[in-house]
Amino acid sequence: MNTMVASWNRTARSREEQRLAAELEDARRRIIELMGQLAETVRSRDALSDRMQVMAWNARWGRGPVGFGGL
């Protein structure tokens, strides 16, 4: 009887380890996905900042608005 309980405990522990490993892998993938989204957000913010600086320079030095397509 003790052998059966020990075997069941090992099986349950193994299933729990597999479940935790899968959960950890899912979390790792989600973190990588979020890091990619963050990098894209930073690139977009930097591009917008660059455009705003050009527009401010143009406004300061009297050039007409060119618009985003002309930058």
C-alpha atoms as a PDB file:
ATOM      1  CA  MET A   1       0.000   0.000   0.000  1.00  0.00           C
ATOM      2  CA  ASN A   2       2.816   2.375   0.829  1.00  0.00           C
ATOM      3  CA  THR A   3       4.339   1.673  -2.573  1.00  0.00           C
ATOM      4  CA  MET A   4       1.081   2.664  -4.280  1.00  0.00           C
ATOM      5  CA  VAL A   5       0.848   5.915  -2.326  1.00  0.00           C
ATOM      6  CA  ALA A   6       4.479   6.754  -3.028  1.00  0.00           C
ATOM      7  CA  SER A   7       3.967   6.013  -6.717  1.00  0.00           C
ATOM      8  CA  TRP A   8       0.809   8.185  -6.795  1.00  0.00           C
ATOM      9  CA  ASN A   9       2.666  11.011  -5.022  1.00  0.00           C
ATOM     10  CA  ARG A  10       5.488  10.848  -7.565  1.00  0.00           C
ATOM     11  CA  THR A  11       2.981  10.911 -10.414  1.00  0.00           C
ATOM     12  CA  ALA A  12       1.110  13.860  -8.912  1.00  0.00           C
ATOM     13  CA  ARG A  13       4.395  15.692  -8.293  1.00  0.00           C
ATOM     14  CA  SER A  14       5.479  15.009 -11.868  1.00  0.00           C
ATOM     15  CA  ARG A  15       2.188  16.373 -13.237  1.00  0.00           C
ATOM     16  CA  GLU A  16       2.540  19.464 -11.049  1.00  0.00           C
ATOM     17  CA  GLU A  17       6.122  19.962 -12.253  1.00  0.00           C
ATOM     18  CA  GLN A  18       4.973  19.669 -15.875  1.00  0.00           C
ATOM     19  CA  ARG A  19       2.135  22.123 -15.261  1.00  0.00           C
ATOM     20  CA  LEU A  20       4.494  24.620 -13.621  1.00  0.00           C
ATOM     21  CA  ALA A  21       7.049  24.211 -16.419  1.00  0.00           C
ATOM     22  CA  ALA A  22       4.347  24.902 -19.028  1.00  0.00           C
ATOM     23  CA  GLU A  23       3.133  27.930 -17.052  1.00  0.00           C
ATOM     24  CA  LEU A  24       6.695  29.228 -16.803  1.00  0.00           C
ATOM     25  CA  GLU A  25       7.224  28.784 -20.551  1.00  0.00           C
ATOM     26  CA  ASP A  26       3.953  30.626 -21.276  1.00  0.00           C
ATOM     27  CA  ALA A  27       5.061  33.481 -19.016  1.00  0.00           C
ATOM     28  CA  ARG A  28       8.470  33.593 -20.714  1.00  0.00           C
ATOM     29  CA  ARG A  29       6.827  33.816 -24.152  1.00  0.00           C
ATOM     30  CA  ARG A  30       4.476  36.569 -22.944  1.00  0.00           C
ATOM     31  CA  ILE A  31       7.421  38.561 -21.562  1.00  0.00           C
ATOM     32  CA  ILE A  32       9.241  38.275 -24.894  1.00  0.00           C
ATOM     33  CA  GLU A  33       6.072  39.394 -26.710  1.00  0.00           C
ATOM     34  CA  LEU A  34       5.653  42.381 -24.368  1.00  0.00           C
ATOM     35  CA  MET A  35       9.311  43.342 -24.794  1.00  0.00           C
ATOM     36  CA  GLY A  36       8.770  43.391 -28.563  1.00  0.00           C
ATOM     37  CA  GLN A  37       5.701  45.594 -28.159  1.00  0.00           C
ATOM     38  CA  LEU A  38       7.655  47.916 -25.878  1.00  0.00           C
ATOM     39  CA  ALA A  39      10.490  48.176 -28.414  1.00  0.00           C
ATOM     40  CA  GLU A  40       7.969  49.056 -31.145  1.00  0.00           C
ATOM     41  CA  THR A  41       6.392  51.692 -28.896  1.00  0.00           C
ATOM     42  CA  VAL A  42       9.802  53.235 -28.238  1.00  0.00           C
ATOM     43  CA  ARG A  43      10.585  53.315 -31.971  1.00  0.00           C
ATOM     44  CA  SER A  44       7.240  54.977 -32.690  1.00  0.00           C
ATOM     45  CA  ARG A  45       7.777  57.499 -29.908  1.00  0.00           C
ATOM     46  CA  ASP A  46      11.270  58.311 -31.171  1.00  0.00           C
ATOM     47  CA  ALA A  47      10.022  58.732 -34.735  1.00  0.00           C
ATOM     48  CA  LEU A  48       7.243  61.034 -33.548  1.00  0.00           C
ATOM     49  CA  SER A  49       9.728  63.028 -31.463  1.00  0.00           C
ATOM     50  CA  ASP A  50      11.975  63.415 -34.512  1.00  0.00           C
ATOM     51  CA  ARG A  51       9.036  64.665 -36.593  1.00  0.00           C
ATOM     52  CA  MET A  52       8.015  67.122 -33.894  1.00  0.00           C
ATOM     53  CA  GLN A  53      11.566  68.477 -33.702  1.00  0.00           C
ATOM     54  CA  VAL A  54      11.621  69.030 -37.478  1.00  0.00           C
ATOM     55  CA  MET A  55       8.243  70.756 -37.351  1.00  0.00           C
ATOM     56  CA  ALA A  56       9.421  72.970 -34.478  1.00  0.00           C
ATOM     57  CA  TRP A  57      12.609  73.841 -36.384  1.00  0.00           C
ATOM     58  CA  ASN A  58      10.559  74.654 -39.496  1.00  0.00           C
ATOM     59  CA  ALA A  59       8.180  76.835 -37.458  1.00  0.00           C
ATOM     60  CA  ARG A  60      11.097  78.606 -35.777  1.00  0.00           C
ATOM     61  CA  TRP A  61      12.931  79.353 -39.005  1.00  0.00           C
ATOM     62  CA  GLY A  62       9.871  80.298 -41.019  1.00  0.00           C
ATOM     63  CA  ARG A  63       9.473  77.318 -43.313  1.00  0.00           C
ATOM     64  CA  GLY A  64       5.947  76.314 -44.134  1.00  0.00           C
ATOM     65  CA  PRO A  65       4.455  73.119 -42.752  1.00  0.00           C
ATOM     66  CA  VAL A  66       5.627  70.183 -44.796  1.00  0.00           C
ATOM     67  CA  GLY A  67       3.525  67.529 -43.077  1.00  0.00           C
ATOM     68  CA  PHE A  68       4.585  64.082 -41.976  1.00  0.00           C
ATOM     69  CA  GLY A  69       4.755  62.742 -45.512  1.00  0.00           C
ATOM     70  CA  GLY A  70       7.432  65.228 -46.491  1.00  0.00           C
ATOM     71  CA  LEU A  71       9.778  64.564 -43.587  1.00  0.00           C
END
